[in-house]
Amino acid sequence: MKIKTATLAGLFIPIALLSEFYYIPVMGGYLRPIHLLAPLVIVLFVTHLSKLLSAPLLWILLSLLAVNLLTALISDAPSAAFNSFLLLVANSTIAISTAAVLASKRVSLESVHSFVTFSLIASVIWGIIQVLAFSLGGFNLGFSEQQLAQISAGFAPAFRTEANTFAKFINTAFLLTFPAMFSLRKGHIFALYAALVAIGLLITFTRSILYTLPLTLIIILLWYQFSSAGRLMTRRTLILASFFFAAFLIYSNFTQSISEYATHKIANFFSAEEVLSGDSSSLRIEWQMALVNSFTGSLDGFLFGTGWGQIFYHYYDVEMQPGGADILVFAAYGGVFSGLLYLAMIASALHSTSNMSRITGGSRESVYHQGIFFSVLGLTITGFVNGSLNSPEYWIVIGLAIFSSMQHQLRSARIVNRVEINLAS
């Protein structure tokens, strides 16, 4: 059993990150392989769950689920809302299972970094192959109907449902791994990593990421400047920036032969009219407004929401659930207390991960906690524009933050005990 659990723990994250394109329609939503695997992981590592009880972030997440369970049961359509709520629970099990695996010490933060880096590199390489195969030979290497359409439009979904979700994964994986990659002694490995990240962002060309990632990096730069975490402005920073700039120039010159839509997006990249009223942008804004109107339309909607997943939007006679900013989703579906608990969850995650990166400063462990901190920050900033609550990497990062929260509490308790012992002596 030890060998089996160790193997399962090692495969857990790569399976989550490389199988998102495959899903089963269930209860108005989708279940992916990781949703079936996560409960099994929790059962196998159940003896380690008690260690996580010291993590404030875990209790905030459980409170968030409890509030949304209550609002689902008292909604106008309790059965449908409860079914949708179960999908939220399924996503949350990814976070809990990630934290449990780390608490068991079968998988370390270093191993998680390696798994995510491998998944990132493998995904970008496959995405490049998809784009080149279609543009040069007309071969569509999509795994699903959605992927076939995306590749035909000149974009690379890799192992994701679409290019948009692939771009979100690249953004999160990059923020999670780049502190450790910056500290590598072998410069050629870092150069390859930087080149692949730059190419990956361009072959997906998702504006919500290309707009929010620079903002995230500016905040990270300021954090480095005003903390004791070290310096970000090094030669490797310039190498990374130069790769992004060179990749953008090369891609923009050849994009017309690959994707007319990408050419249009590049030409209007800084156009306020396109950003606010373009096809995909205007639809996203309409979705956001549907959530806002539901939340502010009545006292019941403000206090209790509609029940999870119980807002519908009609687009060309197709009924769909509107997505949008993560805070709006939690507030509109679960009410004001759900929205406040979401903000508390993010604040707790940022607090514990930034403190752990500071406490462990000077060690290899520090860069892994920095990566978790940066990825939570990136998910939050991007989440105000284009949410990603259904992506496996979102909940993996929350799970990593729960583990950091646990470690932070344990270290704080040790410090308090030492102080009390010193005072007593």
Protein backbone atom coordinates (compact mmCIF):
# COMPACT_ATOMS: atom_id res chain seq x y z
CA MET A 1 0.00 0.00 0.00
CA LYS A 2 2.90 2.36 0.69
CA ILE A 3 4.14 2.00 -2.88
CA LYS A 4 0.65 2.55 -4.28
CA THR A 5 -0.03 5.66 -2.22
CA ALA A 6 3.39 7.11 -3.01
CA THR A 7 2.81 6.52 -6.73
CA LEU A 8 -0.65 8.05 -6.56
CA ALA A 9 0.71 11.07 -4.71
CA GLY A 10 3.36 11.55 -7.37
CA LEU A 11 0.90 11.29 -10.28
CA PHE A 12 -1.81 13.43 -8.71
CA ILE A 13 -0.67 16.87 -9.93
CA PRO A 14 0.44 15.88 -13.47
CA ILE A 15 -2.89 14.11 -14.02
CA ALA A 16 -4.75 17.21 -12.83
CA LEU A 17 -2.82 19.55 -15.11
CA LEU A 18 -2.60 17.38 -18.24
CA SER A 19 -6.14 15.96 -18.48
CA GLU A 20 -8.32 19.09 -18.23
CA PHE A 21 -9.45 18.68 -21.86
CA TYR A 22 -11.36 15.49 -20.99
CA TYR A 23 -14.60 15.92 -19.07
CA ILE A 24 -17.95 14.29 -18.38
CA PRO A 25 -21.12 16.46 -18.32
CA VAL A 26 -22.69 16.01 -14.88
CA MET A 27 -25.48 17.95 -13.14
CA GLY A 28 -25.17 20.99 -15.39
CA GLY A 29 -21.39 21.11 -15.05
CA TYR A 30 -18.34 19.01 -15.80
CA LEU A 31 -16.32 16.40 -13.95
CA ARG A 32 -12.73 15.75 -14.99
CA PRO A 33 -10.40 12.86 -14.11
CA ILE A 34 -8.92 14.81 -11.20
CA HIS A 35 -12.38 15.14 -9.60
CA LEU A 36 -12.59 11.35 -9.47
CA LEU A 37 -9.03 10.97 -8.20
CA ALA A 38 -9.09 13.68 -5.50
CA PRO A 39 -11.59 11.91 -3.16
CA LEU A 40 -9.52 8.72 -3.43
CA VAL A 41 -6.41 10.67 -2.44
CA ILE A 42 -8.25 12.17 0.55
CA VAL A 43 -9.33 8.69 1.69
CA LEU A 44 -5.80 7.28 1.33
CA PHE A 45 -4.25 10.22 3.19
CA VAL A 46 -7.09 10.73 5.68
CA THR A 47 -4.78 10.20 8.66
CA HIS A 48 -2.90 13.36 7.69
CA LEU A 49 -5.97 15.59 7.50
CA SER A 50 -5.78 16.31 11.23
CA LYS A 51 -2.48 18.13 10.62
CA LEU A 52 -4.29 20.57 8.37
CA LEU A 53 -6.78 21.57 11.07
CA SER A 54 -4.27 24.09 12.39
CA ALA A 55 -4.42 25.99 9.08
CA PRO A 56 -6.75 29.03 9.29
CA LEU A 57 -7.10 28.95 5.52
CA LEU A 58 -8.69 25.49 5.62
CA TRP A 59 -11.34 26.68 8.08
CA ILE A 60 -12.10 29.69 5.90
CA LEU A 61 -12.55 27.40 2.89
CA LEU A 62 -14.84 25.08 4.87
CA SER A 63 -16.84 28.10 6.08
CA LEU A 64 -17.14 29.30 2.49
CA LEU A 65 -18.52 25.90 1.48
CA ALA A 66 -20.92 25.87 4.46
CA VAL A 67 -22.35 29.30 3.56
CA ASN A 68 -22.88 28.24 -0.06
CA LEU A 69 -24.50 24.99 1.06
CA LEU A 70 -26.95 26.98 3.18
CA THR A 71 -27.76 29.46 0.42
CA ALA A 72 -28.24 26.59 -2.04
CA LEU A 73 -30.73 24.83 0.27
CA ILE A 74 -32.82 27.98 0.86
CA SER A 75 -32.77 29.11 -2.78
CA ASP A 76 -35.77 29.08 -5.12
CA ALA A 77 -34.42 25.96 -6.82
CA PRO A 78 -32.73 24.03 -3.98
CA SER A 79 -32.27 20.78 -5.90
CA ALA A 80 -30.55 22.41 -8.89
CA ALA A 81 -28.51 24.70 -6.63
CA PHE A 82 -27.41 21.77 -4.47
CA ASN A 83 -26.28 19.84 -7.56
CA SER A 84 -24.22 22.83 -8.70
CA PHE A 85 -22.86 23.22 -5.18
CA LEU A 86 -21.60 19.61 -5.33
CA LEU A 87 -19.44 20.65 -8.30
CA LEU A 88 -17.92 23.40 -6.13
CA VAL A 89 -17.25 20.76 -3.48
CA ALA A 90 -15.61 18.57 -6.13
CA ASN A 91 -13.26 21.41 -7.02
CA SER A 92 -12.52 22.03 -3.35
CA THR A 93 -11.47 18.40 -2.88
CA ILE A 94 -8.55 19.14 -5.24
CA ALA A 95 -7.28 21.74 -2.76
CA ILE A 96 -7.75 19.50 0.28
CA SER A 97 -6.14 16.48 -1.39
CA THR A 98 -3.15 18.62 -2.50
CA ALA A 99 -2.64 19.85 1.05
CA ALA A 100 -3.07 16.33 2.48
CA VAL A 101 -0.44 14.87 0.16
CA LEU A 102 2.03 17.56 1.21
CA ALA A 103 1.18 17.08 4.90
CA SER A 104 1.94 13.37 4.51
CA LYS A 105 5.46 14.26 3.30
CA ARG A 106 5.09 11.75 0.47
CA VAL A 107 5.39 14.75 -1.84
CA SER A 108 7.47 17.86 -1.09
CA LEU A 109 7.12 21.43 -2.32
CA GLU A 110 10.18 20.78 -4.48
CA SER A 111 8.42 17.81 -6.08
CA VAL A 112 5.31 19.90 -6.73
CA HIS A 113 7.51 22.50 -8.40
CA SER A 114 9.02 19.80 -10.61
CA PHE A 115 5.59 18.37 -11.53
CA VAL A 116 4.21 21.79 -12.44
CA THR A 117 7.33 22.71 -14.44
CA PHE A 118 7.15 19.42 -16.33
CA SER A 119 3.44 19.95 -17.06
CA LEU A 120 4.12 23.51 -18.22
CA ILE A 121 6.94 22.53 -20.58
CA ALA A 122 5.10 19.48 -21.95
CA SER A 123 1.97 21.55 -22.56
CA VAL A 124 3.78 24.35 -24.39
CA ILE A 125 5.71 21.90 -26.58
CA TRP A 126 2.49 20.09 -27.51
CA GLY A 127 0.82 23.46 -28.16
CA ILE A 128 3.63 24.44 -30.53
CA ILE A 129 3.24 21.11 -32.34
CA GLN A 130 -0.52 21.72 -32.67
CA VAL A 131 -0.02 25.18 -34.23
CA LEU A 132 2.76 24.09 -36.59
CA ALA A 133 0.98 20.91 -37.68
CA PHE A 134 -2.12 22.84 -38.68
CA SER A 135 -0.44 25.92 -40.19
CA LEU A 136 2.18 23.95 -42.18
CA GLY A 137 0.43 20.69 -42.99
CA GLY A 138 -3.26 21.20 -42.28
CA PHE A 139 -3.27 18.49 -39.60
CA ASN A 140 -5.59 19.25 -36.70
CA LEU A 141 -4.29 17.51 -33.57
CA GLY A 142 -7.20 18.44 -31.32
CA PHE A 143 -8.45 16.01 -28.67
CA SER A 144 -12.05 17.29 -28.71
CA GLU A 145 -14.50 19.33 -30.77
CA GLN A 146 -13.62 22.45 -28.80
CA GLN A 147 -9.93 21.89 -29.42
CA LEU A 148 -10.49 21.29 -33.13
CA ALA A 149 -12.23 24.66 -33.42
CA GLN A 150 -9.50 26.43 -31.43
CA ILE A 151 -6.70 24.98 -33.54
CA SER A 152 -8.57 25.85 -36.75
CA ALA A 153 -8.64 29.47 -35.53
CA GLY A 154 -4.86 29.42 -35.09
CA PHE A 155 -4.62 28.98 -31.33
CA ALA A 156 -3.09 26.23 -29.21
CA PRO A 157 -5.20 24.60 -26.48
CA ALA A 158 -2.53 21.93 -25.73
CA PHE A 159 -4.04 19.70 -22.98
CA ARG A 160 -6.80 22.20 -22.17
CA THR A 161 -10.37 22.66 -23.35
CA GLU A 162 -9.46 25.89 -25.13
CA ALA A 163 -6.61 28.37 -25.57
CA ASN A 164 -8.07 30.71 -22.96
CA THR A 165 -7.84 28.11 -20.19
CA PHE A 166 -4.38 27.11 -21.44
CA ALA A 167 -3.22 30.73 -21.11
CA LYS A 168 -4.53 30.84 -17.53
CA PHE A 169 -2.59 27.69 -16.74
CA ILE A 170 0.64 29.12 -18.22
CA ASN A 171 0.15 32.30 -16.19
CA THR A 172 -0.35 30.39 -12.92
CA ALA A 173 2.40 27.83 -13.57
CA PHE A 174 4.87 30.58 -14.50
CA LEU A 175 4.17 32.58 -11.33
CA LEU A 176 4.42 29.41 -9.23
CA THR A 177 7.75 28.25 -10.68
CA PHE A 178 9.74 31.29 -11.74
CA PRO A 179 11.24 32.17 -8.29
CA ALA A 180 12.86 28.73 -8.15
CA MET A 181 13.86 28.87 -11.83
CA PHE A 182 15.50 32.27 -11.25
CA SER A 183 17.74 30.70 -8.62
CA LEU A 184 19.01 27.88 -10.85
CA ARG A 185 22.74 27.89 -11.46
CA LYS A 186 22.43 26.57 -15.02
CA GLY A 187 21.60 29.55 -17.16
CA HIS A 188 20.73 27.57 -20.28
CA ILE A 189 17.91 25.77 -18.46
CA PHE A 190 16.46 29.09 -17.36
CA ALA A 191 16.78 30.45 -20.91
CA LEU A 192 14.84 27.46 -22.31
CA TYR A 193 12.19 27.89 -19.62
CA ALA A 194 11.83 31.62 -20.39
CA ALA A 195 11.58 31.00 -24.14
CA LEU A 196 8.87 28.34 -23.73
CA VAL A 197 6.78 30.50 -21.39
CA ALA A 198 6.98 33.43 -23.82
CA ILE A 199 6.00 31.25 -26.80
CA GLY A 200 3.19 29.62 -24.81
CA LEU A 201 1.60 32.94 -23.92
CA LEU A 202 1.70 34.05 -27.54
CA ILE A 203 0.27 30.91 -29.17
CA THR A 204 -2.71 31.24 -26.81
CA PHE A 205 -2.83 35.07 -27.02
CA THR A 206 -5.43 35.65 -24.31
CA ARG A 207 -5.69 39.36 -23.60
CA SER A 208 -6.96 38.99 -20.04
CA ILE A 209 -3.64 37.29 -19.23
CA LEU A 210 -1.46 39.59 -21.32
CA TYR A 211 -3.02 42.59 -19.56
CA THR A 212 -2.97 41.26 -15.99
CA LEU A 213 0.39 39.42 -15.96
CA PRO A 214 2.45 42.65 -16.31
CA LEU A 215 0.42 44.19 -13.47
CA THR A 216 1.10 41.13 -11.33
CA LEU A 217 4.83 41.32 -12.11
CA ILE A 218 4.93 45.03 -11.19
CA ILE A 219 3.38 44.23 -7.80
CA ILE A 220 5.88 41.39 -7.36
CA LEU A 221 8.74 43.78 -8.21
CA LEU A 222 7.50 46.22 -5.55
CA TRP A 223 7.19 43.35 -3.06
CA TYR A 224 10.80 42.36 -3.70
CA GLN A 225 11.93 45.95 -3.26
CA PHE A 226 10.18 46.45 0.09
CA SER A 227 10.70 42.98 1.57
CA SER A 228 13.79 41.07 2.58
CA ALA A 229 13.20 38.41 -0.07
CA GLY A 230 16.05 39.47 -2.33
CA ARG A 231 16.32 41.23 -5.67
CA LEU A 232 14.25 40.60 -8.76
CA MET A 233 16.10 43.01 -11.05
CA THR A 234 18.92 40.73 -12.12
CA ARG A 235 20.39 39.74 -15.46
CA ARG A 236 17.89 36.89 -15.68
CA THR A 237 15.02 39.36 -15.36
CA LEU A 238 16.31 41.12 -18.46
CA ILE A 239 16.73 37.75 -20.23
CA LEU A 240 13.12 36.88 -19.45
CA ALA A 241 11.87 40.28 -20.65
CA SER A 242 13.93 40.05 -23.84
CA PHE A 243 12.46 36.61 -24.64
CA PHE A 244 8.94 37.96 -24.20
CA PHE A 245 9.69 40.96 -26.43
CA ALA A 246 11.43 38.91 -29.13
CA ALA A 247 8.69 36.28 -29.15
CA PHE A 248 6.05 38.98 -29.51
CA LEU A 249 7.86 40.59 -32.46
CA ILE A 250 8.34 37.25 -34.25
CA TYR A 251 4.79 36.10 -33.59
CA SER A 252 3.23 39.41 -34.68
CA ASN A 253 5.14 39.26 -38.00
CA PHE A 254 4.02 35.71 -38.80
CA THR A 255 0.60 35.64 -37.18
CA GLN A 256 -1.28 36.60 -40.36
CA SER A 257 -0.40 33.25 -41.90
CA ILE A 258 -1.47 31.45 -38.72
CA SER A 259 -4.58 33.24 -37.43
CA GLU A 260 -6.60 36.16 -38.77
CA TYR A 261 -8.28 36.56 -35.40
CA ALA A 262 -4.92 36.73 -33.61
CA THR A 263 -3.79 39.33 -36.16
CA HIS A 264 -6.90 41.37 -35.34
CA LYS A 265 -6.26 41.08 -31.59
CA ILE A 266 -2.62 42.17 -31.96
CA ALA A 267 -3.58 45.14 -34.16
CA ASN A 268 -6.14 46.27 -31.57
CA PHE A 269 -4.21 45.24 -28.48
CA PHE A 270 -4.21 48.79 -27.05
CA SER A 271 -7.63 49.78 -28.42
CA ALA A 272 -10.02 50.73 -25.61
CA GLU A 273 -12.98 50.24 -27.93
CA GLU A 274 -11.90 46.70 -28.77
CA VAL A 275 -11.22 45.87 -25.12
CA LEU A 276 -14.65 47.09 -24.01
CA SER A 277 -16.84 46.21 -26.98
CA GLY A 278 -15.07 43.46 -28.93
CA ASP A 279 -16.95 40.20 -29.44
CA SER A 280 -15.47 38.23 -26.53
CA SER A 281 -15.00 41.33 -24.35
CA SER A 282 -18.59 42.54 -24.70
CA LEU A 283 -19.92 39.07 -23.89
CA ARG A 284 -17.72 38.88 -20.80
CA ILE A 285 -18.91 42.32 -19.65
CA GLU A 286 -22.54 41.27 -20.17
CA TRP A 287 -21.88 38.21 -18.02
CA GLN A 288 -20.33 40.36 -15.30
CA MET A 289 -23.33 42.71 -15.37
CA ALA A 290 -25.72 39.75 -15.10
CA LEU A 291 -23.93 38.75 -11.88
CA VAL A 292 -23.89 42.34 -10.57
CA ASN A 293 -27.59 42.86 -11.33
CA SER A 294 -28.50 39.64 -9.58
CA PHE A 295 -26.46 40.56 -6.50
CA THR A 296 -27.78 44.12 -6.22
CA GLY A 297 -31.30 43.56 -7.55
CA SER A 298 -32.93 42.62 -4.24
CA LEU A 299 -32.23 42.31 -0.53
CA ASP A 300 -32.52 38.52 -0.73
CA GLY A 301 -30.03 38.45 -3.62
CA PHE A 302 -27.64 40.63 -1.64
CA LEU A 303 -27.85 38.58 1.56
CA PHE A 304 -28.26 35.04 0.25
CA GLY A 305 -27.56 35.08 -3.48
CA THR A 306 -29.40 32.83 -5.90
CA GLY A 307 -27.92 29.50 -4.88
CA TRP A 308 -24.79 28.17 -6.57
CA GLY A 309 -25.03 28.17 -10.35
CA GLN A 310 -28.60 29.55 -10.49
CA ILE A 311 -28.05 32.56 -12.74
CA PHE A 312 -28.63 31.99 -16.43
CA TYR A 313 -27.82 34.04 -19.49
CA HIS A 314 -29.14 33.56 -23.02
CA TYR A 315 -26.69 33.99 -25.86
CA TYR A 316 -28.01 33.30 -29.36
CA ASP A 317 -30.84 31.24 -27.85
CA VAL A 318 -28.36 29.14 -25.88
CA GLU A 319 -28.84 29.12 -22.10
CA MET A 320 -25.60 29.31 -20.14
CA GLN A 321 -24.37 30.18 -16.68
CA PRO A 322 -22.50 33.50 -16.81
CA GLY A 323 -18.91 33.49 -15.63
CA GLY A 324 -16.93 36.48 -14.51
CA ALA A 325 -14.82 37.86 -11.72
CA ASP A 326 -14.40 35.31 -8.93
CA ILE A 327 -15.64 37.75 -6.27
CA LEU A 328 -18.81 38.41 -8.30
CA VAL A 329 -19.44 34.68 -8.75
CA PHE A 330 -19.22 33.99 -5.01
CA ALA A 331 -21.26 37.07 -4.10
CA ALA A 332 -23.99 36.59 -6.72
CA TYR A 333 -24.42 32.86 -6.09
CA GLY A 334 -23.87 32.80 -2.31
CA GLY A 335 -24.65 36.33 -1.11
CA VAL A 336 -22.59 38.95 0.66
CA PHE A 337 -21.20 36.56 3.30
CA SER A 338 -19.97 34.22 0.58
CA GLY A 339 -18.24 37.17 -1.12
CA LEU A 340 -16.63 38.27 2.14
CA LEU A 341 -15.40 34.75 2.90
CA TYR A 342 -13.88 34.54 -0.59
CA LEU A 343 -11.95 37.77 0.14
CA ALA A 344 -10.93 36.36 3.53
CA MET A 345 -9.70 33.17 1.84
CA ILE A 346 -7.53 35.14 -0.58
CA ALA A 347 -6.24 37.47 2.16
CA SER A 348 -5.35 34.50 4.39
CA ALA A 349 -3.59 32.73 1.50
CA LEU A 350 -1.54 35.83 0.65
CA HIS A 351 -0.70 36.44 4.33
CA SER A 352 0.49 32.92 5.14
CA THR A 353 2.46 32.37 1.92
CA SER A 354 4.21 35.76 2.03
CA ASN A 355 5.10 35.23 5.69
CA MET A 356 6.44 31.73 5.02
CA SER A 357 8.64 33.06 2.20
CA ARG A 358 10.00 35.66 4.63
CA ILE A 359 10.45 33.25 7.58
CA THR A 360 12.31 30.72 5.44
CA GLY A 361 14.36 33.42 3.71
CA GLY A 362 17.80 32.28 2.58
CA SER A 363 16.74 28.65 2.14
CA ARG A 364 15.61 26.75 -0.94
CA GLU A 365 12.20 26.38 0.68
CA SER A 366 11.73 30.14 0.54
CA VAL A 367 11.53 30.29 -3.27
CA TYR A 368 8.79 27.64 -3.27
CA HIS A 369 6.69 29.67 -0.84
CA GLN A 370 7.37 32.76 -2.94
CA GLY A 371 5.99 30.90 -5.94
CA ILE A 372 2.80 29.99 -4.06
CA PHE A 373 2.44 33.62 -2.95
CA PHE A 374 2.91 34.92 -6.50
CA SER A 375 0.49 32.39 -8.00
CA VAL A 376 -2.22 33.30 -5.46
CA LEU A 377 -1.61 36.95 -6.31
CA GLY A 378 -1.84 36.21 -10.03
CA LEU A 379 -5.03 34.18 -9.68
CA THR A 380 -6.57 37.02 -7.65
CA ILE A 381 -5.65 39.78 -10.12
CA THR A 382 -6.69 37.76 -13.16
CA GLY A 383 -9.80 36.66 -11.26
CA PHE A 384 -11.05 40.23 -11.16
CA VAL A 385 -11.16 40.18 -14.97
CA ASN A 386 -11.67 36.58 -16.04
CA GLY A 387 -12.27 34.02 -13.32
CA SER A 388 -10.79 30.54 -13.25
CA LEU A 389 -12.69 28.75 -10.48
CA ASN A 390 -13.17 25.66 -12.65
CA SER A 391 -9.48 25.20 -13.47
CA PRO A 392 -7.54 22.49 -11.57
CA GLU A 393 -4.50 24.74 -11.06
CA TYR A 394 -6.65 27.24 -9.13
CA TRP A 395 -7.48 24.65 -6.50
CA ILE A 396 -4.00 23.14 -6.50
CA VAL A 397 -2.65 26.58 -5.61
CA ILE A 398 -5.26 26.94 -2.85
CA GLY A 399 -4.14 23.54 -1.56
CA LEU A 400 -0.51 24.66 -1.57
CA ALA A 401 -1.55 27.78 0.33
CA ILE A 402 -3.40 25.64 2.91
CA PHE A 403 -0.17 23.71 3.45
CA SER A 404 1.74 27.02 3.84
CA SER A 405 -0.93 28.20 6.28
CA MET A 406 -0.43 25.03 8.33
CA GLN A 407 3.34 25.46 8.35
CA HIS A 408 3.01 29.12 9.31
CA GLN A 409 0.80 28.27 12.28
CA LEU A 410 3.15 25.50 13.43
CA ARG A 411 6.18 27.80 13.24
CA SER A 412 4.32 30.56 15.08
CA ALA A 413 3.33 28.10 17.81
CA ARG A 414 6.96 26.96 18.19
CA ILE A 415 8.11 30.57 18.57
CA VAL A 416 5.46 31.23 21.24
CA ASN A 417 6.50 28.06 23.12
CA ARG A 418 10.15 29.09 23.05
CA VAL A 419 9.29 32.54 24.40
CA GLU A 420 7.20 31.02 27.19
CA ILE A 421 10.01 28.58 28.10
CA ASN A 422 12.55 31.42 28.18
CA LEU A 423 10.28 33.56 30.36
CA ALA A 424 9.66 30.63 32.71
CA SER A 425 13.40 29.97 33.10
